[in-house]
């Protein structure tokens, strides 16, 4: 009677369909995509029950409702001026998402495309229905096996992680404060209520607040978030988080309590909105002004300050570095060739990733791994996990005799110096010397050596519980592939951006 069936009653039928899918369309010559009508049909099917729709799209929709046309000019990818088409070309996907949200249905998008697919438009189907977005550029099952493996691992987590249905999130705060902007994937049902057709442990949210009244009569302000949802077992549950903060009269106390990573992630969310509603250049200016204004305000509170000094409280010491990292991030960078879909996906990630994962995307972690020891190691599941110290994101920290691991959140790079010790190369990579390492290497072999066990143990520990499975790239010094690695060395100068030292001088000049 329906295309929808009960999983347990029809498990064998579903297995048969999945097994038959690869061969069902092997001889088709149809190259058009009618995504809009397919979504409309899925919406009608799901409306009586609600749930989740998983969309796997490989190209620009070209037929029927919601068809799109290419808006990207490849010649403008390195533009230092205006970056266009960051917003949707049509409201079709937003309207459909709102209809889905009303029927408690979330739409998750898996975009597997080697060509421009207008993610700025397609993302609306997930953004407003509380769905998720997965992006695999240059996907090809045989020619790009690392992307295929990533899809497999991401899909496994997607299908096995906990999920909540028919959820609402209400955020309350002390009288005198008000919430005016929310960030994440959801539909705002009222001033303090978010509608979430689905909710999962990998989702992140941010809220902007404003002080509406004088708070001199209270010593504490409180914030409370309540998430009401239905579990996959049909149980209605509620989860509550409460935060109390002191009201202080000294600006110095305010600065002392700053959580700089939370502040930077909120600024990144605001910059995404500014890029879409105004322009990328306005968003970049606003990020720089945030540093200038905060350090200028702090400087005015410090007595005996030399006019030429750039001074910051300990809580804001890394503020300029993190903002410089944002300016060099795919979402906001200029002067560096960036595909439009890549830029838009980075913006989508900023809007919905939890803080701990977003920070690795903004400011990666760099470790030296050719000298791993058990000193300071931690024990996880009966395994010894080395804990190498963090390195500055600068080429001056790289040595040709070393090997370095960079953790960018959804991608890992292992950079191998030209004069790296052959014992490390053989014990960890499985090759006799530097010259024999292949140009495209995406896995570490399981070798029965102490160095191999330490390196794999550390990387496995870093990988655990990531929303997205990181791809590993082994990058040889002086190989063409090193360009992407070096773009993440935030503290170094590029053709289109300041070094960290130059950026500090720029901030100082703006303050003076």
Protein backbone atom coordinates (compact mmCIF):
# COMPACT_ATOMS: atom_id res chain seq x y z
CA UNK A 1 0.00 0.00 0.00
CA UNK A 2 2.99 2.30 0.52
CA UNK A 3 6.61 2.68 -0.46
CA UNK A 4 7.38 2.98 3.26
CA UNK A 5 7.84 -0.31 5.10
CA UNK A 6 8.65 -1.43 8.61
CA UNK A 7 12.38 -2.11 8.92
CA UNK A 8 12.07 -5.26 11.01
CA UNK A 9 9.20 -6.75 9.02
CA UNK A 10 10.82 -6.05 5.64
CA UNK A 11 14.52 -6.35 6.43
CA UNK A 12 15.20 -8.90 3.69
CA UNK A 13 13.39 -6.80 1.07
CA UNK A 14 15.50 -3.78 2.00
CA UNK A 15 18.70 -5.84 1.79
CA UNK A 16 17.68 -7.12 -1.63
CA UNK A 17 17.08 -3.56 -2.83
CA UNK A 18 20.44 -2.33 -1.53
CA UNK A 19 22.25 -5.25 -3.17
CA UNK A 20 20.45 -4.63 -6.47
CA UNK A 21 20.99 -0.86 -6.56
CA UNK A 22 24.52 -0.90 -8.07
CA UNK A 23 23.28 -2.78 -11.13
CA UNK A 24 19.86 -1.19 -11.61
CA UNK A 25 21.12 1.81 -13.57
CA UNK A 26 24.42 0.61 -15.03
CA UNK A 27 23.17 1.05 -18.61
CA UNK A 28 21.35 4.35 -18.19
CA UNK A 29 22.39 7.22 -20.45
CA UNK A 30 20.34 9.84 -18.62
CA UNK A 31 22.58 12.64 -17.37
CA UNK A 32 19.99 15.08 -16.03
CA UNK A 33 19.00 15.42 -12.38
CA UNK A 34 15.45 16.10 -11.14
CA UNK A 35 16.29 16.64 -7.47
CA UNK A 36 13.38 19.01 -6.74
CA UNK A 37 10.58 16.62 -7.79
CA UNK A 38 12.33 13.75 -5.95
CA UNK A 39 12.39 15.83 -2.76
CA UNK A 40 8.73 16.77 -3.19
CA UNK A 41 7.84 13.09 -3.51
CA UNK A 42 9.93 12.20 -0.45
CA UNK A 43 8.20 14.97 1.52
CA UNK A 44 4.75 13.58 0.67
CA UNK A 45 5.84 10.06 1.61
CA UNK A 46 7.32 11.14 4.95
CA UNK A 47 4.68 13.68 6.00
CA UNK A 48 2.43 11.22 7.89
CA UNK A 49 5.26 9.99 10.13
CA UNK A 50 8.17 12.42 9.99
CA UNK A 51 11.75 11.16 10.14
CA UNK A 52 14.84 11.65 8.01
CA UNK A 53 15.52 11.92 4.27
CA UNK A 54 19.08 11.18 3.07
CA UNK A 55 19.91 12.83 -0.27
CA UNK A 56 22.89 11.67 -2.34
CA UNK A 57 23.52 14.21 -5.10
CA UNK A 58 26.31 14.20 -7.68
CA UNK A 59 25.54 17.20 -9.90
CA UNK A 60 23.62 20.43 -10.42
CA UNK A 61 19.82 19.80 -10.47
CA UNK A 62 18.82 20.40 -14.10
CA UNK A 63 15.16 19.33 -14.49
CA UNK A 64 11.83 20.23 -12.92
CA UNK A 65 11.17 22.26 -9.80
CA UNK A 66 14.31 23.60 -8.12
CA UNK A 67 16.49 23.38 -11.23
CA UNK A 68 19.70 25.39 -10.98
CA UNK A 69 22.22 26.88 -13.38
CA UNK A 70 25.94 27.27 -12.91
CA UNK A 71 26.79 30.59 -11.26
CA UNK A 72 30.52 30.09 -10.67
CA UNK A 73 33.11 31.94 -12.75
CA UNK A 74 36.34 29.90 -12.44
CA UNK A 75 38.33 33.03 -13.34
CA UNK A 76 37.11 34.70 -10.13
CA UNK A 77 38.23 31.99 -7.70
CA UNK A 78 41.30 34.02 -6.69
CA UNK A 79 39.48 37.34 -6.50
CA UNK A 80 40.63 39.79 -3.86
CA UNK A 81 37.52 41.92 -4.30
CA UNK A 82 33.93 40.70 -4.59
CA UNK A 83 33.01 37.04 -4.05
CA UNK A 84 29.54 36.52 -5.47
CA UNK A 85 26.80 33.89 -5.13
CA UNK A 86 27.35 32.94 -1.48
CA UNK A 87 23.57 32.96 -1.02
CA UNK A 88 20.92 30.73 -2.65
CA UNK A 89 19.79 31.30 -6.24
CA UNK A 90 16.21 30.25 -5.40
CA UNK A 91 14.00 29.95 -2.33
CA UNK A 92 12.66 26.56 -3.50
CA UNK A 93 14.91 24.51 -1.21
CA UNK A 94 14.31 26.75 1.79
CA UNK A 95 10.52 26.57 1.35
CA UNK A 96 10.69 22.80 0.98
CA UNK A 97 12.85 22.56 4.11
CA UNK A 98 10.35 24.62 6.11
CA UNK A 99 7.54 22.34 4.92
CA UNK A 100 9.62 19.33 5.98
CA UNK A 101 10.35 20.90 9.37
CA UNK A 102 6.61 21.41 9.91
CA UNK A 103 6.11 17.67 9.37
CA UNK A 104 9.09 16.74 11.63
CA UNK A 105 11.24 15.61 8.69
CA UNK A 106 14.95 16.49 8.40
CA UNK A 107 16.83 16.42 5.10
CA UNK A 108 20.50 15.39 5.12
CA UNK A 109 22.61 16.14 2.05
CA UNK A 110 25.56 14.08 0.80
CA UNK A 111 27.10 16.01 -2.11
CA UNK A 112 29.53 13.88 -4.14
CA UNK A 113 30.58 16.06 -7.03
CA UNK A 114 33.63 16.94 -9.07
CA UNK A 115 31.85 19.91 -10.67
CA UNK A 116 30.14 23.02 -9.32
CA UNK A 117 26.77 22.01 -7.81
CA UNK A 118 25.58 25.30 -6.21
CA UNK A 119 25.88 24.16 -2.60
CA UNK A 120 24.78 27.66 -1.55
CA UNK A 121 21.30 26.79 -2.86
CA UNK A 122 21.22 23.08 -2.01
CA UNK A 123 22.39 23.63 1.59
CA UNK A 124 19.08 25.32 2.43
CA UNK A 125 17.31 21.94 2.41
CA UNK A 126 19.39 20.87 5.42
CA UNK A 127 19.93 24.22 7.11
CA UNK A 128 16.23 24.94 7.71
CA UNK A 129 15.13 21.36 8.39
CA UNK A 130 17.78 20.68 11.09
CA UNK A 131 19.66 18.35 8.75
CA UNK A 132 23.36 17.70 8.11
CA UNK A 133 25.60 18.42 5.12
CA UNK A 134 28.38 16.13 3.89
CA UNK A 135 30.64 17.20 1.03
CA UNK A 136 33.04 15.09 -1.04
CA UNK A 137 34.72 17.20 -3.76
CA UNK A 138 36.35 15.31 -6.62
CA UNK A 139 34.60 12.13 -5.51
CA UNK A 140 35.34 9.07 -7.65
CA UNK A 141 35.05 5.51 -6.41
CA UNK A 142 38.08 4.20 -8.34
CA UNK A 143 40.22 7.27 -9.05
CA UNK A 144 39.87 8.78 -5.56
CA UNK A 145 39.65 5.82 -3.15
CA UNK A 146 40.40 7.94 -0.06
CA UNK A 147 37.20 9.93 -0.64
CA UNK A 148 35.25 6.69 -1.13
CA UNK A 149 36.64 5.35 2.15
CA UNK A 150 35.77 8.61 3.90
CA UNK A 151 32.18 8.37 2.64
CA UNK A 152 31.97 4.80 3.92
CA UNK A 153 33.19 5.76 7.40
CA UNK A 154 31.06 8.92 7.57
CA UNK A 155 27.99 6.94 6.48
CA UNK A 156 28.64 4.30 9.14
CA UNK A 157 28.72 6.94 11.88
CA UNK A 158 25.70 8.68 10.35
CA UNK A 159 23.65 5.46 10.48
CA UNK A 160 24.81 4.25 13.90
CA UNK A 161 25.08 7.40 16.04
CA UNK A 162 22.26 8.32 18.43
CA UNK A 163 19.40 10.33 16.97
CA UNK A 164 16.50 12.30 18.43
CA UNK A 165 13.21 13.03 16.65
CA UNK A 166 10.56 15.76 16.93
CA UNK A 167 12.87 17.91 19.05
CA UNK A 168 12.54 21.46 20.30
CA UNK A 169 15.22 23.48 22.07
CA UNK A 170 14.24 26.34 24.36
CA UNK A 171 16.83 28.79 25.66
CA UNK A 172 16.00 30.99 28.63
CA UNK A 173 18.00 33.72 30.35
CA UNK A 174 17.74 36.14 33.28
CA UNK A 175 15.42 39.12 32.90
CA UNK A 176 17.34 42.05 31.46
CA UNK A 177 19.08 39.89 28.87
CA UNK A 178 17.66 38.87 25.51
CA UNK A 179 18.63 36.53 22.68
CA UNK A 180 18.57 38.02 19.21
CA UNK A 181 20.44 35.61 16.88
CA UNK A 182 20.85 31.83 16.74
CA UNK A 183 23.42 29.90 14.72
CA UNK A 184 23.11 26.29 13.55
CA UNK A 185 20.73 24.16 11.49
CA UNK A 186 17.12 24.60 12.67
CA UNK A 187 13.91 26.59 12.23
CA UNK A 188 13.23 29.41 14.71
CA UNK A 189 9.67 28.82 15.88
CA UNK A 190 9.56 31.74 18.35
CA UNK A 191 11.96 34.16 20.06
CA UNK A 192 13.48 31.47 22.28
CA UNK A 193 12.33 28.20 20.68
CA UNK A 194 14.18 26.24 17.99
CA UNK A 195 12.42 23.51 16.02
CA UNK A 196 14.65 20.49 15.32
CA UNK A 197 13.07 17.70 13.29
CA UNK A 198 16.20 15.63 14.08
CA UNK A 199 18.97 16.14 16.61
CA UNK A 200 22.29 14.29 16.86
CA UNK A 201 25.41 14.41 19.06
CA UNK A 202 27.51 15.99 16.28
CA UNK A 203 25.42 19.18 16.06
CA UNK A 204 26.65 22.54 17.34
CA UNK A 205 24.77 25.74 18.13
CA UNK A 206 25.65 29.32 19.04
CA UNK A 207 23.55 32.16 20.46
CA UNK A 208 24.06 35.92 20.52
CA UNK A 209 22.73 37.82 23.52
CA UNK A 210 22.30 41.46 24.33
CA UNK A 211 21.98 43.34 27.63
CA UNK A 212 18.65 45.18 27.58
CA UNK A 213 18.46 46.47 31.17
CA UNK A 214 20.76 47.53 33.98
CA UNK A 215 21.95 44.50 35.96
CA UNK A 216 23.18 46.36 39.05
CA UNK A 217 20.50 44.80 41.26
CA UNK A 218 21.64 41.22 40.67
CA UNK A 219 24.89 39.40 41.37
CA UNK A 220 24.25 36.48 39.01
CA UNK A 221 22.77 35.92 35.57
CA UNK A 222 21.55 32.50 34.49
CA UNK A 223 21.15 30.74 31.16
CA UNK A 224 19.23 27.51 30.68
CA UNK A 225 18.90 25.34 27.60
CA UNK A 226 16.29 22.58 27.53
CA UNK A 227 16.21 20.02 24.71
CA UNK A 228 13.01 17.97 24.42
CA UNK A 229 13.17 15.04 21.98
CA UNK A 230 11.98 11.51 21.21
CA UNK A 231 14.66 8.81 21.28
CA UNK A 232 14.95 6.11 18.62
CA UNK A 233 13.23 3.79 21.12
CA UNK A 234 10.19 6.04 21.25
CA UNK A 235 10.93 7.54 24.68
CA UNK A 236 10.21 11.22 25.21
CA UNK A 237 13.22 12.75 26.97
CA UNK A 238 14.45 16.13 28.14
CA UNK A 239 18.03 17.29 28.65
CA UNK A 240 18.75 20.50 30.54
CA UNK A 241 21.93 22.57 30.82
CA UNK A 242 22.15 25.53 33.22
CA UNK A 243 24.93 28.11 33.41
CA UNK A 244 25.31 30.83 36.05
CA UNK A 245 27.75 33.72 35.65
CA UNK A 246 28.62 36.53 38.08
CA UNK A 247 27.78 40.16 37.31
CA UNK A 248 30.90 42.29 37.83
CA UNK A 249 31.52 46.03 37.89
CA UNK A 250 35.12 45.95 36.66
CA UNK A 251 35.97 45.69 32.96
CA UNK A 252 39.17 43.90 33.96
CA UNK A 253 37.06 41.11 35.50
CA UNK A 254 35.07 40.84 32.27
CA UNK A 255 38.28 40.43 30.26
CA UNK A 256 39.63 37.89 32.76
CA UNK A 257 36.59 35.68 32.19
CA UNK A 258 36.70 35.64 28.39
CA UNK A 259 36.59 32.19 26.75
CA UNK A 260 38.54 33.18 23.65
CA UNK A 261 37.79 30.02 21.67
CA UNK A 262 34.04 30.42 22.23
CA UNK A 263 34.31 34.10 21.29
CA UNK A 264 36.21 33.34 18.08
CA UNK A 265 33.76 30.61 17.04
CA UNK A 266 30.83 32.99 17.62
CA UNK A 267 32.61 35.68 15.58
CA UNK A 268 33.11 33.12 12.80
CA UNK A 269 29.37 32.41 12.78
CA UNK A 270 28.61 36.12 12.64
CA UNK A 271 31.13 36.56 9.80
CA UNK A 272 29.37 33.86 7.75
CA UNK A 273 26.06 35.71 8.10
CA UNK A 274 27.76 38.99 7.21
CA UNK A 275 29.37 37.44 4.11
CA UNK A 276 25.98 36.30 2.79
CA UNK A 277 23.89 39.33 3.78
CA UNK A 278 26.49 41.99 2.90
CA UNK A 279 29.86 40.97 1.42
CA UNK A 280 32.95 38.92 2.17
CA UNK A 281 35.06 42.08 2.47
CA UNK A 282 32.66 43.49 5.08
CA UNK A 283 32.91 40.26 7.06
CA UNK A 284 36.72 40.34 6.94
CA UNK A 285 36.77 43.98 8.07
CA UNK A 286 34.41 43.15 10.93
CA UNK A 287 36.72 40.37 12.15
CA UNK A 288 39.71 42.72 12.21
CA UNK A 289 37.65 45.44 13.90
CA UNK A 290 36.63 42.99 16.64
CA UNK A 291 40.30 42.59 17.58
CA UNK A 292 41.03 46.32 17.30
CA UNK A 293 38.00 47.33 19.38
CA UNK A 294 38.55 44.79 22.16
CA UNK A 295 42.29 45.48 22.56
CA UNK A 296 41.73 49.23 22.28
CA UNK A 297 39.08 49.12 25.01
CA UNK A 298 41.38 47.07 27.22
CA UNK A 299 44.29 49.43 26.59
CA UNK A 300 42.22 52.41 27.72
CA UNK A 301 41.65 50.74 31.11
CA UNK A 302 45.35 50.13 31.78
CA UNK A 303 47.24 53.00 33.37
CA UNK A 304 50.82 53.94 32.50
CA UNK A 305 50.44 52.39 29.05
CA UNK A 306 53.06 53.33 26.50
CA UNK A 307 51.37 54.73 23.42
CA UNK A 308 53.22 52.44 21.02
CA UNK A 309 52.67 49.19 22.92
CA UNK A 310 50.18 46.51 21.89
CA UNK A 311 48.86 45.09 25.12
CA UNK A 312 46.29 42.38 25.77
CA UNK A 313 45.03 40.50 28.84
CA UNK A 314 46.12 36.88 29.12
CA UNK A 315 42.64 35.72 28.04
CA UNK A 316 42.99 37.59 24.71
CA UNK A 317 46.64 36.81 23.92
CA UNK A 318 45.61 34.44 21.13
CA UNK A 319 42.76 36.61 19.81
CA UNK A 320 44.80 38.20 16.96
CA UNK A 321 46.22 34.79 15.97
CA UNK A 322 42.80 33.14 15.81
CA UNK A 323 41.32 36.00 13.77
CA UNK A 324 44.27 35.85 11.36
CA UNK A 325 43.58 32.11 11.07
CA UNK A 326 39.94 32.89 10.23
CA UNK A 327 41.00 35.37 7.55
CA UNK A 328 43.12 32.61 5.97
CA UNK A 329 40.37 29.98 6.27
CA UNK A 330 38.63 28.75 3.10
CA UNK A 331 35.40 30.45 4.13
CA UNK A 332 36.90 33.95 4.28
CA UNK A 333 40.21 33.97 2.42
CA UNK A 334 40.80 36.10 -0.67
CA UNK A 335 43.57 36.09 -3.27
CA UNK A 336 43.88 32.29 -3.11
CA UNK A 337 42.08 30.08 -5.63
CA UNK A 338 39.00 28.73 -3.85
CA UNK A 339 36.14 26.87 -5.50
CA UNK A 340 32.77 28.40 -4.65
CA UNK A 341 31.32 25.13 -3.33
CA UNK A 342 34.44 24.63 -1.17
CA UNK A 343 34.00 28.10 0.33
CA UNK A 344 30.28 27.60 0.97
CA UNK A 345 30.87 24.20 2.58
CA UNK A 346 33.44 25.74 4.93
CA UNK A 347 30.80 28.31 5.91
CA UNK A 348 28.26 25.51 6.50
CA UNK A 349 30.77 23.76 8.77
CA UNK A 350 31.36 26.92 10.77
CA UNK A 351 27.62 27.28 11.35
CA UNK A 352 26.97 23.78 12.68
CA UNK A 353 30.15 22.20 14.08
CA UNK A 354 30.73 21.85 17.83
CA UNK A 355 33.37 24.24 19.16
CA UNK A 356 36.08 21.64 19.82
CA UNK A 357 36.02 20.46 16.19
CA UNK A 358 35.54 23.92 14.71
CA UNK A 359 38.69 25.18 16.44
CA UNK A 360 40.81 22.52 14.71
CA UNK A 361 39.35 23.68 11.40
CA UNK A 362 40.21 27.31 12.21
CA UNK A 363 43.60 26.74 13.87
CA UNK A 364 45.01 23.24 13.20
CA UNK A 365 47.27 21.41 15.65
CA UNK A 366 50.83 20.63 14.55
CA UNK A 367 52.95 17.88 16.14
CA UNK A 368 56.41 16.47 15.48
CA UNK A 369 56.01 12.68 15.23
CA UNK A 370 59.44 11.30 14.27
CA UNK A 371 60.54 11.45 17.92
CA UNK A 372 57.50 10.05 19.72
CA UNK A 373 58.22 8.64 23.19
CA UNK A 374 56.19 7.26 26.09
CA UNK A 375 57.12 10.23 28.26
CA UNK A 376 53.90 11.96 29.31
CA UNK A 377 51.82 9.39 27.40
CA UNK A 378 48.26 8.53 28.41
CA UNK A 379 46.68 5.07 28.61
CA UNK A 380 43.49 4.50 26.60
CA UNK A 381 41.90 1.04 26.34
CA UNK A 382 45.13 -0.69 27.37
CA UNK A 383 47.09 1.22 24.73
CA UNK A 384 49.84 3.76 25.31
CA UNK A 385 49.09 7.00 23.44
CA UNK A 386 52.03 9.45 23.07
CA UNK A 387 51.35 13.14 23.73
CA UNK A 388 53.84 15.20 21.69
CA UNK A 389 53.92 18.97 22.34
CA UNK A 390 52.11 21.38 20.03
CA UNK A 391 54.21 23.34 17.53
CA UNK A 392 53.65 26.83 16.15
CA UNK A 393 52.00 26.91 12.73
CA UNK A 394 55.07 28.23 10.95
CA UNK A 395 57.54 26.80 8.44
CA UNK A 396 60.36 27.78 10.78
CA UNK A 397 59.23 24.93 13.05
CA UNK A 398 59.61 22.39 10.24
CA UNK A 399 62.98 20.72 9.91
CA UNK A 400 64.11 18.66 6.92
CA UNK A 401 65.24 15.98 9.36
CA UNK A 402 61.76 15.62 10.86
CA UNK A 403 58.21 14.39 10.24
CA UNK A 404 55.19 16.44 11.32
CA UNK A 405 51.49 15.67 11.72
CA UNK A 406 48.94 18.45 11.16
CA UNK A 407 45.41 17.89 12.49
CA UNK A 408 42.95 20.12 10.59
CA UNK A 409 39.82 18.45 11.94
CA UNK A 410 38.51 16.69 8.84
CA UNK A 411 41.91 16.11 7.23
CA UNK A 412 45.34 15.03 8.52
CA UNK A 413 48.67 15.81 6.84
CA UNK A 414 51.94 14.04 7.57
CA UNK A 415 54.80 16.15 6.20
CA UNK A 416 58.04 14.26 5.64
CA UNK A 417 61.27 16.28 5.50
CA UNK A 418 63.73 15.54 2.70
CA UNK A 419 66.41 14.45 5.16
CA UNK A 420 64.07 12.56 7.49
CA UNK A 421 65.71 9.59 9.20
CA UNK A 422 65.44 6.45 7.06
CA UNK A 423 64.71 4.35 10.15
CA UNK A 424 61.52 6.35 10.80
CA UNK A 425 60.48 6.17 7.13
CA UNK A 426 60.96 2.40 7.07
CA UNK A 427 59.49 1.72 10.53
CA UNK A 428 56.38 3.92 10.08
CA UNK A 429 55.75 4.29 6.33
CA UNK A 430 57.16 0.95 5.21
CA UNK A 431 59.55 2.36 2.57
CA UNK A 432 63.36 2.20 2.65
CA UNK A 433 64.02 5.91 2.11
CA UNK A 434 62.55 9.31 1.24
CA UNK A 435 62.80 8.86 -2.53
CA UNK A 436 60.74 5.65 -2.48
CA UNK A 437 57.71 7.21 -0.72
CA UNK A 438 54.86 7.44 -3.29
CA UNK A 439 53.39 10.85 -4.16
CA UNK A 440 49.87 9.77 -3.15
CA UNK A 441 49.88 7.92 0.16
CA UNK A 442 46.77 7.98 2.36
CA UNK A 443 47.33 5.16 4.88
CA UNK A 444 49.94 4.14 7.42
CA UNK A 445 50.72 0.41 7.20
CA UNK A 446 50.43 -1.75 10.32
CA UNK A 447 54.07 -2.58 10.96
CA UNK A 448 55.45 -4.55 13.88
CA UNK A 449 57.72 -1.75 15.10
CA UNK A 450 57.56 0.47 18.16
CA UNK A 451 57.60 3.65 16.04
CA UNK A 452 54.69 2.38 13.94
CA UNK A 453 52.65 1.44 17.01
CA UNK A 454 53.24 4.85 18.59
CA UNK A 455 52.35 6.81 15.44
CA UNK A 456 49.21 4.77 14.69
CA UNK A 457 48.12 4.87 18.34
CA UNK A 458 48.41 8.66 18.40
CA UNK A 459 46.56 9.14 15.09
CA UNK A 460 43.81 6.69 16.08
CA UNK A 461 43.35 8.56 19.37
CA UNK A 462 43.03 11.86 17.49
CA UNK A 463 40.51 10.33 15.08
CA UNK A 464 38.18 8.90 17.71
CA UNK A 465 34.70 10.41 17.99
CA UNK A 466 35.09 12.87 15.12
CA UNK A 467 31.83 13.87 13.38
CA UNK A 468 33.67 13.44 10.07
CA UNK A 469 36.28 10.79 9.32
CA UNK A 470 39.57 12.60 8.55
CA UNK A 471 41.44 11.76 5.34
CA UNK A 472 45.19 11.26 5.82
CA UNK A 473 47.66 12.67 3.29
CA UNK A 474 51.38 11.87 3.46
CA UNK A 475 53.12 14.90 1.95
CA UNK A 476 56.75 14.78 0.84
CA UNK A 477 58.88 17.89 1.12
CA UNK A 478 59.19 19.62 -2.28
CA UNK A 479 56.21 17.69 -3.76
CA UNK A 480 53.39 19.63 -5.49
CA UNK A 481 50.95 18.37 -2.82
CA UNK A 482 52.69 20.41 -0.12
CA UNK A 483 50.88 23.62 -1.20
CA UNK A 484 47.71 22.69 0.69
CA UNK A 485 49.75 21.78 3.78
CA UNK A 486 51.64 25.08 3.78
CA UNK A 487 48.41 27.07 3.42
CA UNK A 488 47.57 25.95 6.96
CA UNK A 489 50.78 27.46 8.40
CA UNK A 490 48.84 30.43 9.74
CA UNK A 491 51.78 32.39 11.12
CA UNK A 492 53.61 32.65 7.79
CA UNK A 493 53.15 35.29 5.11
CA UNK A 494 51.46 34.43 1.81
CA UNK A 495 51.07 36.41 -1.39
CA UNK A 496 47.60 37.50 -0.31
CA UNK A 497 47.82 37.63 3.50
CA UNK A 498 49.88 38.96 6.42
CA UNK A 499 52.23 36.92 8.54
CA UNK A 500 51.31 36.82 12.24
CA UNK A 501 53.97 39.44 13.02
CA UNK A 502 52.73 41.71 10.22
CA UNK A 503 49.14 41.28 11.39
CA UNK A 504 50.09 42.33 14.94
CA UNK A 505 51.75 45.46 13.51
CA UNK A 506 48.60 46.15 11.47
CA UNK A 507 46.41 45.83 14.58
CA UNK A 508 48.76 48.10 16.52
CA UNK A 509 48.58 50.76 13.78
CA UNK A 510 44.77 50.57 13.78
CA UNK A 511 44.67 51.10 17.55
CA UNK A 512 47.13 53.99 17.50
